[in-house]
Structure formats: structure tokens, C-alpha cells
PDB file of N, CA and C in Angstrom:
ATOM      1  N   MET A   1     -38.587  81.818-144.099  1.00  0.00           N
ATOM      2  CA  MET A   1     -38.148  80.951-143.035  1.00  0.00           C
ATOM      3  C   MET A   1     -39.355  80.566-142.186  1.00  0.00           C
ATOM      4  N   LYS A   2     -39.404  79.328-141.762  1.00  0.00           N
ATOM      5  CA  LYS A   2     -40.553  78.849-140.995  1.00  0.00           C
ATOM      6  C   LYS A   2     -40.413  79.178-139.510  1.00  0.00           C
ATOM      7  N   LEU A   3     -41.525  79.632-138.934  1.00  0.00           N
ATOM      8  CA  LEU A   3     -41.563  80.019-137.526  1.00  0.00           C
ATOM      9  C   LEU A   3     -41.138  78.875-136.623  1.00  0.00           C
ATOM     10  N   GLU A   4     -41.672  77.682-136.855  1.00  0.00           N
ATOM     11  CA  GLU A   4     -41.352  76.554-135.980  1.00  0.00           C
ATOM     12  C   GLU A   4     -39.865  76.222-135.998  1.00  0.00           C
ATOM     13  N   LYS A   5     -39.214  76.419-137.137  1.00  0.00           N
ATOM     14  CA  LYS A   5     -37.776  76.157-137.237  1.00  0.00           C
ATOM     15  C   LYS A   5     -36.991  77.156-136.388  1.00  0.00           C
ATOM     16  N   ILE A   6     -37.404  78.411-136.464  1.00  0.00           N
ATOM     17  CA  ILE A   6     -36.743  79.449-135.673  1.00  0.00           C
ATOM     18  C   ILE A   6     -36.954  79.207-134.180  1.00  0.00           C
ATOM     19  N   LEU A   7     -38.196  78.946-133.777  1.00  0.00           N
ATOM     20  CA  LEU A   7     -38.482  78.736-132.356  1.00  0.00           C
ATOM     21  C   LEU A   7     -37.740  77.518-131.810  1.00  0.00           C
ATOM     22  N   ALA A   8     -37.597  76.494-132.611  1.00  0.00           N
ATOM     23  CA  ALA A   8     -36.895  75.290-132.165  1.00  0.00           C
ATOM     24  C   ALA A   8     -35.413  75.545-131.918  1.00  0.00           C
ATOM     25  N   LYS A   9     -34.863  76.573-132.530  1.00  0.00           N
ATOM     26  CA  LYS A   9     -33.427  76.874-132.394  1.00  0.00           C
ATOM     27  C   LYS A   9     -33.111  77.815-131.232  1.00  0.00           C
ATOM     28  N   VAL A  10     -34.125  78.475-130.677  1.00  0.00           N
ATOM     29  CA  VAL A  10     -33.878  79.431-129.588  1.00  0.00           C
ATOM     30  C   VAL A  10     -33.707  78.647-128.291  1.00  0.00           C
ATOM     31  N   SER A  11     -32.508  78.708-127.723  1.00  0.00           N
ATOM     32  CA  SER A  11     -32.245  77.946-126.505  1.00  0.00           C
ATOM     33  C   SER A  11     -32.164  78.822-125.257  1.00  0.00           C
ATOM     34  N   ASP A  12     -32.135  80.121-125.440  1.00  0.00           N
ATOM     35  CA  ASP A  12     -32.056  81.042-124.312  1.00  0.00           C
ATOM     36  C   ASP A  12     -33.469  81.479-123.910  1.00  0.00           C
ATOM     37  N   GLU A  13     -33.835  81.229-122.653  1.00  0.00           N
ATOM     38  CA  GLU A  13     -35.189  81.519-122.180  1.00  0.00           C
ATOM     39  C   GLU A  13     -35.547  82.998-122.293  1.00  0.00           C
ATOM     40  N   ALA A  14     -34.622  83.877-121.898  1.00  0.00           N
ATOM     41  CA  ALA A  14     -34.890  85.314-121.969  1.00  0.00           C
ATOM     42  C   ALA A  14     -35.066  85.759-123.421  1.00  0.00           C
ATOM     43  N   MET A  15     -34.244  85.227-124.315  1.00  0.00           N
ATOM     44  CA  MET A  15     -34.371  85.593-125.719  1.00  0.00           C
ATOM     45  C   MET A  15     -35.684  85.074-126.304  1.00  0.00           C
ATOM     46  N   MET A  16     -36.091  83.863-125.903  1.00  0.00           N
ATOM     47  CA  MET A  16     -37.370  83.326-126.375  1.00  0.00           C
ATOM     48  C   MET A  16     -38.511  84.235-125.928  1.00  0.00           C
ATOM     49  N   PHE A  17     -38.473  84.669-124.677  1.00  0.00           N
ATOM     50  CA  PHE A  17     -39.530  85.551-124.176  1.00  0.00           C
ATOM     51  C   PHE A  17     -39.545  86.863-124.950  1.00  0.00           C
ATOM     52  N   ASN A  18     -38.364  87.425-125.205  1.00  0.00           N
ATOM     53  CA  ASN A  18     -38.281  88.673-125.964  1.00  0.00           C
ATOM     54  C   ASN A  18     -38.796  88.485-127.393  1.00  0.00           C
ATOM     55  N   LEU A  19     -38.464  87.372-128.005  1.00  0.00           N
ATOM     56  CA  LEU A  19     -38.947  87.086-129.351  1.00  0.00           C
ATOM     57  C   LEU A  19     -40.469  86.957-129.359  1.00  0.00           C
ATOM     58  N   LEU A  20     -41.003  86.229-128.373  1.00  0.00           N
ATOM     59  CA  LEU A  20     -42.459  86.088-128.284  1.00  0.00           C
ATOM     60  C   LEU A  20     -43.136  87.443-128.069  1.00  0.00           C
ATOM     61  N   LYS A  21     -42.518  88.296-127.263  1.00  0.00           N
ATOM     62  CA  LYS A  21     -43.084  89.633-127.048  1.00  0.00           C
ATOM     63  C   LYS A  21     -43.061  90.454-128.332  1.00  0.00           C
ATOM     64  N   ASP A  22     -42.025  90.269-129.152  1.00  0.00           N
ATOM     65  CA  ASP A  22     -41.960  90.974-130.429  1.00  0.00           C
ATOM     66  C   ASP A  22     -42.961  90.417-131.436  1.00  0.00           C
ATOM     67  N   LEU A  23     -43.165  89.101-131.419  1.00  0.00           N
ATOM     68  CA  LEU A  23     -44.029  88.445-132.402  1.00  0.00           C
ATOM     69  C   LEU A  23     -45.515  88.559-132.098  1.00  0.00           C
ATOM     70  N   THR A  24     -45.859  88.763-130.836  1.00  0.00           N
ATOM     71  CA  THR A  24     -47.265  88.735-130.433  1.00  0.00           C
ATOM     72  C   THR A  24     -47.660  90.040-129.749  1.00  0.00           C
ATOM     73  N   THR A  25     -48.952  90.251-129.697  1.00  0.00           N
ATOM     74  CA  THR A  25     -49.464  91.355-128.891  1.00  0.00           C
ATOM     75  C   THR A  25     -49.493  90.886-127.434  1.00  0.00           C
ATOM     76  N   PRO A  26     -49.587  91.808-126.493  1.00  0.00           N
ATOM     77  CA  PRO A  26     -49.697  91.374-125.088  1.00  0.00           C
ATOM     78  C   PRO A  26     -50.874  90.411-124.870  1.00  0.00           C
ATOM     79  N   GLN A  27     -51.990  90.664-125.544  1.00  0.00           N
ATOM     80  CA  GLN A  27     -53.161  89.792-125.388  1.00  0.00           C
ATOM     81  C   GLN A  27     -52.911  88.408-125.969  1.00  0.00           C
ATOM     82  N   GLU A  28     -52.233  88.334-127.101  1.00  0.00           N
ATOM     83  CA  GLU A  28     -51.909  87.032-127.703  1.00  0.00           C
ATOM     84  C   GLU A  28     -50.963  86.231-126.810  1.00  0.00           C
ATOM     85  N   LEU A  29     -49.977  86.901-126.243  1.00  0.00           N
ATOM     86  CA  LEU A  29     -49.045  86.219-125.341  1.00  0.00           C
ATOM     87  C   LEU A  29     -49.780  85.725-124.096  1.00  0.00           C
ATOM     88  N   LYS A  30     -50.689  86.544-123.589  1.00  0.00           N
ATOM     89  CA  LYS A  30     -51.509  86.145-122.432  1.00  0.00           C
ATOM     90  C   LYS A  30     -52.358  84.921-122.780  1.00  0.00           C
ATOM     91  N   ALA A  31     -52.918  84.889-123.984  1.00  0.00           N
ATOM     92  CA  ALA A  31     -53.745  83.755-124.421  1.00  0.00           C
ATOM     93  C   ALA A  31     -52.916  82.476-124.533  1.00  0.00           C
ATOM     94  N   LEU A  32     -51.689  82.589-125.011  1.00  0.00           N
ATOM     95  CA  LEU A  32     -50.819  81.414-125.085  1.00  0.00           C
ATOM     96  C   LEU A  32     -50.530  80.865-123.691  1.00  0.00           C
ATOM     97  N   GLN A  33     -50.214  81.762-122.753  1.00  0.00           N
ATOM     98  CA  GLN A  33     -49.952  81.339-121.375  1.00  0.00           C
ATOM     99  C   GLN A  33     -51.198  80.723-120.761  1.00  0.00           C
ATOM    100  N   GLU A  34     -52.347  81.323-121.047  1.00  0.00           N
ATOM    101  CA  GLU A  34     -53.612  80.812-120.523  1.00  0.00           C
ATOM    102  C   GLU A  34     -53.860  79.380-121.005  1.00  0.00           C
ATOM    103  N   ARG A  35     -53.613  79.115-122.273  1.00  0.00           N
ATOM    104  CA  ARG A  35     -53.811  77.759-122.814  1.00  0.00           C
ATOM    105  C   ARG A  35     -52.861  76.767-122.173  1.00  0.00           C
ATOM    106  N   LEU A  36     -51.636  77.186-121.926  1.00  0.00           N
ATOM    107  CA  LEU A  36     -50.688  76.316-121.229  1.00  0.00           C
ATOM    108  C   LEU A  36     -51.196  75.997-119.829  1.00  0.00           C
ATOM    109  N   ASP A  37     -51.658  77.011-119.107  1.00  0.00           N
ATOM    110  CA  ASP A  37     -52.208  76.800-117.769  1.00  0.00           C
ATOM    111  C   ASP A  37     -53.411  75.852-117.818  1.00  0.00           C
ATOM    112  N   ILE A  38     -54.272  76.030-118.818  1.00  0.00           N
ATOM    113  CA  ILE A  38     -55.470  75.195-118.951  1.00  0.00           C
ATOM    114  C   ILE A  38     -55.093  73.741-119.166  1.00  0.00           C
ATOM    115  N   VAL A  39     -54.164  73.473-120.064  1.00  0.00           N
ATOM    116  CA  VAL A  39     -53.818  72.079-120.356  1.00  0.00           C
ATOM    117  C   VAL A  39     -53.216  71.396-119.126  1.00  0.00           C
ATOM    118  N   ILE A  40     -52.448  72.121-118.355  1.00  0.00           N
ATOM    119  CA  ILE A  40     -51.867  71.548-117.130  1.00  0.00           C
ATOM    120  C   ILE A  40     -52.962  71.259-116.109  1.00  0.00           C
ATOM    121  N   LEU A  41     -53.908  72.166-115.957  1.00  0.00           N
ATOM    122  CA  LEU A  41     -55.012  71.953-115.018  1.00  0.00           C
ATOM    123  C   LEU A  41     -55.941  70.828-115.480  1.00  0.00           C
ATOM    124  N   LEU A  42     -56.206  70.750-116.782  1.00  0.00           N
ATOM    125  CA  LEU A  42     -57.010  69.640-117.307  1.00  0.00           C
ATOM    126  C   LEU A  42     -56.337  68.308-117.002  1.00  0.00           C
ATOM    127  N   ASN A  43     -55.039  68.274-117.164  1.00  0.00           N
ATOM    128  CA  ASN A  43     -54.282  67.045-116.907  1.00  0.00           C
ATOM    129  C   ASN A  43     -54.375  66.619-115.442  1.00  0.00           C
ATOM    130  N   LYS A  44     -54.600  67.577-114.562  1.00  0.00           N
ATOM    131  CA  LYS A  44     -54.754  67.284-113.133  1.00  0.00           C
ATOM    132  C   LYS A  44     -56.175  66.869-112.775  1.00  0.00           C
ATOM    133  N   GLY A  45     -57.075  66.884-113.793  1.00  0.00           N
ATOM    134  CA  GLY A  45     -58.453  66.468-113.560  1.00  0.00           C
ATOM    135  C   GLY A  45     -59.346  67.539-112.976  1.00  0.00           C
ATOM    136  N   ILE A  46     -58.932  68.761-113.049  1.00  0.00           N
ATOM    137  CA  ILE A  46     -59.717  69.868-112.496  1.00  0.00           C
ATOM    138  C   ILE A  46     -60.884  70.178-113.436  1.00  0.00           C
ATOM    139  N   SER A  47     -62.041  70.493-112.864  1.00  0.00           N
ATOM    140  CA  SER A  47     -63.251  70.736-113.653  1.00  0.00           C
ATOM    141  C   SER A  47     -63.118  72.014-114.477  1.00  0.00           C
ATOM    142  N   TYR A  48     -63.903  72.065-115.546  1.00  0.00           N
ATOM    143  CA  TYR A  48     -63.904  73.239-116.412  1.00  0.00           C
ATOM    144  C   TYR A  48     -64.269  74.499-115.627  1.00  0.00           C
ATOM    145  N   ASN A  49     -65.270  74.405-114.763  1.00  0.00           N
ATOM    146  CA  ASN A  49     -65.686  75.579-113.986  1.00  0.00           C
ATOM    147  C   ASN A  49     -64.570  76.062-113.067  1.00  0.00           C
ATOM    148  N   GLU A  50     -63.876  75.137-112.440  1.00  0.00           N
ATOM    149  CA  GLU A  50     -62.772  75.510-111.547  1.00  0.00           C
ATOM    150  C   GLU A  50     -61.616  76.111-112.345  1.00  0.00           C
ATOM    151  N   ILE A  51     -61.326  75.545-113.514  1.00  0.00           N
ATOM    152  CA  ILE A  51     -60.272  76.099-114.372  1.00  0.00           C
ATOM    153  C   ILE A  51     -60.640  77.513-114.794  1.00  0.00           C
ATOM    154  N   SER A  52     -61.901  77.717-115.132  1.00  0.00           N
ATOM    155  CA  SER A  52     -62.366  79.043-115.521  1.00  0.00           C
ATOM    156  C   SER A  52     -62.160  80.040-114.383  1.00  0.00           C
ATOM    157  N   LYS A  53     -62.472  79.625-113.168  1.00  0.00           N
ATOM    158  CA  LYS A  53     -62.281  80.504-112.008  1.00  0.00           C
ATOM    159  C   LYS A  53     -60.803  80.811-111.786  1.00  0.00           C
ATOM    160  N   LYS A  54     -59.948  79.797-111.922  1.00  0.00           N
ATOM    161  CA  LYS A  54     -58.508  79.970-111.670  1.00  0.00           C
ATOM    162  C   LYS A  54     -57.813  80.798-112.731  1.00  0.00           C
ATOM    163  N   THR A  55     -58.219  80.636-113.993  1.00  0.00           N
ATOM    164  CA  THR A  55     -57.495  81.270-115.100  1.00  0.00           C
ATOM    165  C   THR A  55     -58.210  82.472-115.699  1.00  0.00           C
ATOM    166  N   GLY A  56     -59.505  82.561-115.501  1.00  0.00           N
ATOM    167  CA  GLY A  56     -60.287  83.605-116.145  1.00  0.00           C
ATOM    168  C   GLY A  56     -60.682  83.245-117.565  1.00  0.00           C
ATOM    169  N   ALA A  57     -60.316  82.051-118.008  1.00  0.00           N
ATOM    170  CA  ALA A  57     -60.651  81.599-119.368  1.00  0.00           C
ATOM    171  C   ALA A  57     -62.119  81.222-119.455  1.00  0.00           C
ATOM    172  N   SER A  58     -62.671  81.405-120.634  1.00  0.00           N
ATOM    173  CA  SER A  58     -64.055  80.992-120.850  1.00  0.00           C
ATOM    174  C   SER A  58     -64.119  79.469-120.954  1.00  0.00           C
ATOM    175  N   THR A  59     -65.290  78.922-120.676  1.00  0.00           N
ATOM    176  CA  THR A  59     -65.441  77.469-120.818  1.00  0.00           C
ATOM    177  C   THR A  59     -65.320  77.063-122.289  1.00  0.00           C
ATOM    178  N   THR A  60     -65.595  77.969-123.201  1.00  0.00           N
ATOM    179  CA  THR A  60     -65.400  77.692-124.630  1.00  0.00           C
ATOM    180  C   THR A  60     -63.920  77.459-124.928  1.00  0.00           C
ATOM    181  N   THR A  61     -63.064  78.299-124.394  1.00  0.00           N
ATOM    182  CA  THR A  61     -61.620  78.132-124.582  1.00  0.00           C
ATOM    183  C   THR A  61     -61.148  76.836-123.936  1.00  0.00           C
ATOM    184  N   ILE A  62     -61.633  76.552-122.754  1.00  0.00           N
ATOM    185  CA  ILE A  62     -61.241  75.338-122.047  1.00  0.00           C
ATOM    186  C   ILE A  62     -61.676  74.108-122.836  1.00  0.00           C
ATOM    187  N   THR A  63     -62.874  74.147-123.377  1.00  0.00           N
ATOM    188  CA  THR A  63     -63.377  73.040-124.195  1.00  0.00           C
ATOM    189  C   THR A  63     -62.510  72.841-125.431  1.00  0.00           C
ATOM    190  N   ARG A  64     -62.109  73.926-126.054  1.00  0.00           N
ATOM    191  CA  ARG A  64     -61.263  73.831-127.247  1.00  0.00           C
ATOM    192  C   ARG A  64     -59.909  73.213-126.902  1.00  0.00           C
ATOM    193  N   VAL A  65     -59.300  73.660-125.809  1.00  0.00           N
ATOM    194  CA  VAL A  65     -58.020  73.089-125.381  1.00  0.00           C
ATOM    195  C   VAL A  65     -58.193  71.604-125.081  1.00  0.00           C
ATOM    196  N   ALA A  66     -59.263  71.250-124.399  1.00  0.00           N
ATOM    197  CA  ALA A  66     -59.524  69.845-124.069  1.00  0.00           C
ATOM    198  C   ALA A  66     -59.684  69.002-125.334  1.00  0.00           C
ATOM    199  N   ARG A  67     -60.355  69.557-126.330  1.00  0.00           N
ATOM    200  CA  ARG A  67     -60.538  68.814-127.586  1.00  0.00           C
ATOM    201  C   ARG A  67     -59.194  68.587-128.273  1.00  0.00           C
ATOM    202  N   PHE A  68     -58.357  69.610-128.323  1.00  0.00           N
ATOM    203  CA  PHE A  68     -57.046  69.443-128.940  1.00  0.00           C
ATOM    204  C   PHE A  68     -56.188  68.473-128.136  1.00  0.00           C
ATOM    205  N   LEU A  69     -56.324  68.495-126.834  1.00  0.00           N
ATOM    206  CA  LEU A  69     -55.574  67.574-125.979  1.00  0.00           C
ATOM    207  C   LEU A  69     -55.985  66.131-126.218  1.00  0.00           C
ATOM    208  N   LYS A  70     -57.277  65.885-126.337  1.00  0.00           N
ATOM    209  CA  LYS A  70     -57.776  64.515-126.380  1.00  0.00           C
ATOM    210  C   LYS A  70     -58.048  63.971-127.771  1.00  0.00           C
ATOM    211  N   GLN A  71     -58.428  64.817-128.724  1.00  0.00           N
ATOM    212  CA  GLN A  71     -58.936  64.301-129.990  1.00  0.00           C
ATOM    213  C   GLN A  71     -58.100  64.635-131.218  1.00  0.00           C
ATOM    214  N   GLU A  72     -57.465  65.773-131.239  1.00  0.00           N
ATOM    215  CA  GLU A  72     -56.748  66.174-132.452  1.00  0.00           C
ATOM    216  C   GLU A  72     -55.449  65.379-132.599  1.00  0.00           C
ATOM    217  N   SER A  73     -55.026  65.217-133.822  1.00  0.00           N
ATOM    218  CA  SER A  73     -53.870  64.363-134.111  1.00  0.00           C
ATOM    219  C   SER A  73     -52.525  65.072-133.968  1.00  0.00           C
ATOM    220  N   TYR A  74     -52.525  66.369-133.722  1.00  0.00           N
ATOM    221  CA  TYR A  74     -51.265  67.106-133.676  1.00  0.00           C
ATOM    222  C   TYR A  74     -50.357  66.635-132.537  1.00  0.00           C
ATOM    223  N   GLY A  75     -50.923  66.410-131.365  1.00  0.00           N
ATOM    224  CA  GLY A  75     -50.169  65.860-130.248  1.00  0.00           C
ATOM    225  C   GLY A  75     -49.273  66.829-129.507  1.00  0.00           C
ATOM    226  N   GLY A  76     -49.358  68.113-129.810  1.00  0.00           N
ATOM    227  CA  GLY A  76     -48.500  69.086-129.134  1.00  0.00           C
ATOM    228  C   GLY A  76     -48.731  69.154-127.636  1.00  0.00           C
ATOM    229  N   TYR A  77     -49.992  69.242-127.243  1.00  0.00           N
ATOM    230  CA  TYR A  77     -50.302  69.282-125.807  1.00  0.00           C
ATOM    231  C   TYR A  77     -49.887  67.978-125.128  1.00  0.00           C
ATOM    232  N   ARG A  78     -50.128  66.849-125.774  1.00  0.00           N
ATOM    233  CA  ARG A  78     -49.745  65.562-125.182  1.00  0.00           C
ATOM    234  C   ARG A  78     -48.225  65.466-125.022  1.00  0.00           C
ATOM    235  N   TRP A  79     -47.501  65.954-126.032  1.00  0.00           N
ATOM    236  CA  TRP A  79     -46.041  65.965-125.931  1.00  0.00           C
ATOM    237  C   TRP A  79     -45.604  66.851-124.762  1.00  0.00           C
ATOM    238  N   LEU A  80     -46.204  68.019-124.670  1.00  0.00           N
ATOM    239  CA  LEU A  80     -45.868  68.942-123.591  1.00  0.00           C
ATOM    240  C   LEU A  80     -46.073  68.290-122.232  1.00  0.00           C
ATOM    241  N   LEU A  81     -47.229  67.675-122.043  1.00  0.00           N
ATOM    242  CA  LEU A  81     -47.522  67.043-120.747  1.00  0.00           C
ATOM    243  C   LEU A  81     -46.554  65.903-120.442  1.00  0.00           C
ATOM    244  N   SER A  82     -46.171  65.151-121.442  1.00  0.00           N
ATOM    245  CA  SER A  82     -45.257  64.032-121.194  1.00  0.00           C
ATOM    246  C   SER A  82     -43.832  64.491-120.967  1.00  0.00           C
ATOM    247  N   ASN A  83     -43.545  65.771-121.250  1.00  0.00           N
ATOM    248  CA  ASN A  83     -42.197  66.317-121.080  1.00  0.00           C
ATOM    249  C   ASN A  83     -42.125  67.426-120.043  1.00  0.00           C
ATOM    250  N   LEU A  84     -43.150  67.590-119.230  1.00  0.00           N
ATOM    251  CA  LEU A  84     -43.176  68.672-118.260  1.00  0.00           C
ATOM    252  C   LEU A  84     -41.954  68.682-117.337  1.00  0.00           C
ATOM    253  N   GLU A  85     -41.488  67.526-116.971  1.00  0.00           N
ATOM    254  CA  GLU A  85     -40.323  67.456-116.069  1.00  0.00           C
ATOM    255  C   GLU A  85     -39.107  68.154-116.661  1.00  0.00           C
ATOM    256  N   ASN A  86     -38.991  68.184-117.968  1.00  0.00           N
ATOM    257  CA  ASN A  86     -37.861  68.833-118.636  1.00  0.00           C
ATOM    258  C   ASN A  86     -37.925  70.348-118.536  1.00  0.00           C
ATOM    259  N   PHE A  87     -39.079  70.886-118.158  1.00  0.00           N
ATOM    260  CA  PHE A  87     -39.263  72.331-118.120  1.00  0.00           C
ATOM    261  C   PHE A  87     -39.284  72.913-116.717  1.00  0.00           C
ATOM    262  N   LYS A  88     -39.136  72.079-115.719  1.00  0.00           N
ATOM    263  CA  LYS A  88     -39.155  72.575-114.324  1.00  0.00           C
ATOM    264  C   LYS A  88     -37.902  73.391-114.043  1.00  0.00           C
ATOM    265  N   ASP A  89     -38.075  74.452-113.255  1.00  0.00           N
ATOM    266  CA  ASP A  89     -36.937  75.293-112.872  1.00  0.00           C
ATOM    267  C   ASP A  89     -36.053  74.598-111.877  1.00  0.00           C
TER     268      ASP A  89
END
């Protein structure tokens, strides 16, 4: 069974968090959250150095997120940013 298919079917926030905790190590889950924070801050025009200070992420990680946001064809980060309103509490 494909991971993306399973994740797309989970509609309960608490269950999604529990599944992510089961699927990932604490460090991996932290890295996923960090990348989400980075993409949101990049979208706000915040500098790499400031993002590094706010998140603790290396500028290498920030550069990689920025490259995927702007250059890669996957479009996941772009989709996320265009749908942020759907995720507000």
C-alpha cells in the first residue's frame, strides 16, 4: 500500500499526528515541522539568516527548501502555500 494514499485518507488530526509519530523518529518529525516553518517564513520574504535564527535550521536546509519551493516541479510546497487558509484553526 502506498504511503501517500494512506495519508490522504486520514481525516482526523489527532490520528494523523499519532500515525506520524509511529512512522517517524522524533528527529524526523521535528525536521518535517522545521521544513514547514521554513517554507512559510520564506513565503513571507524573511531572510535565510533570520529564518535560521527563528527555527534553528541550517542555511543549507533553508536553501534546499527554497530550491524545492521555487525550482522543482513537484509543487508540494507551492500547493501548501496556496491552501494555507484551509489549515487555519
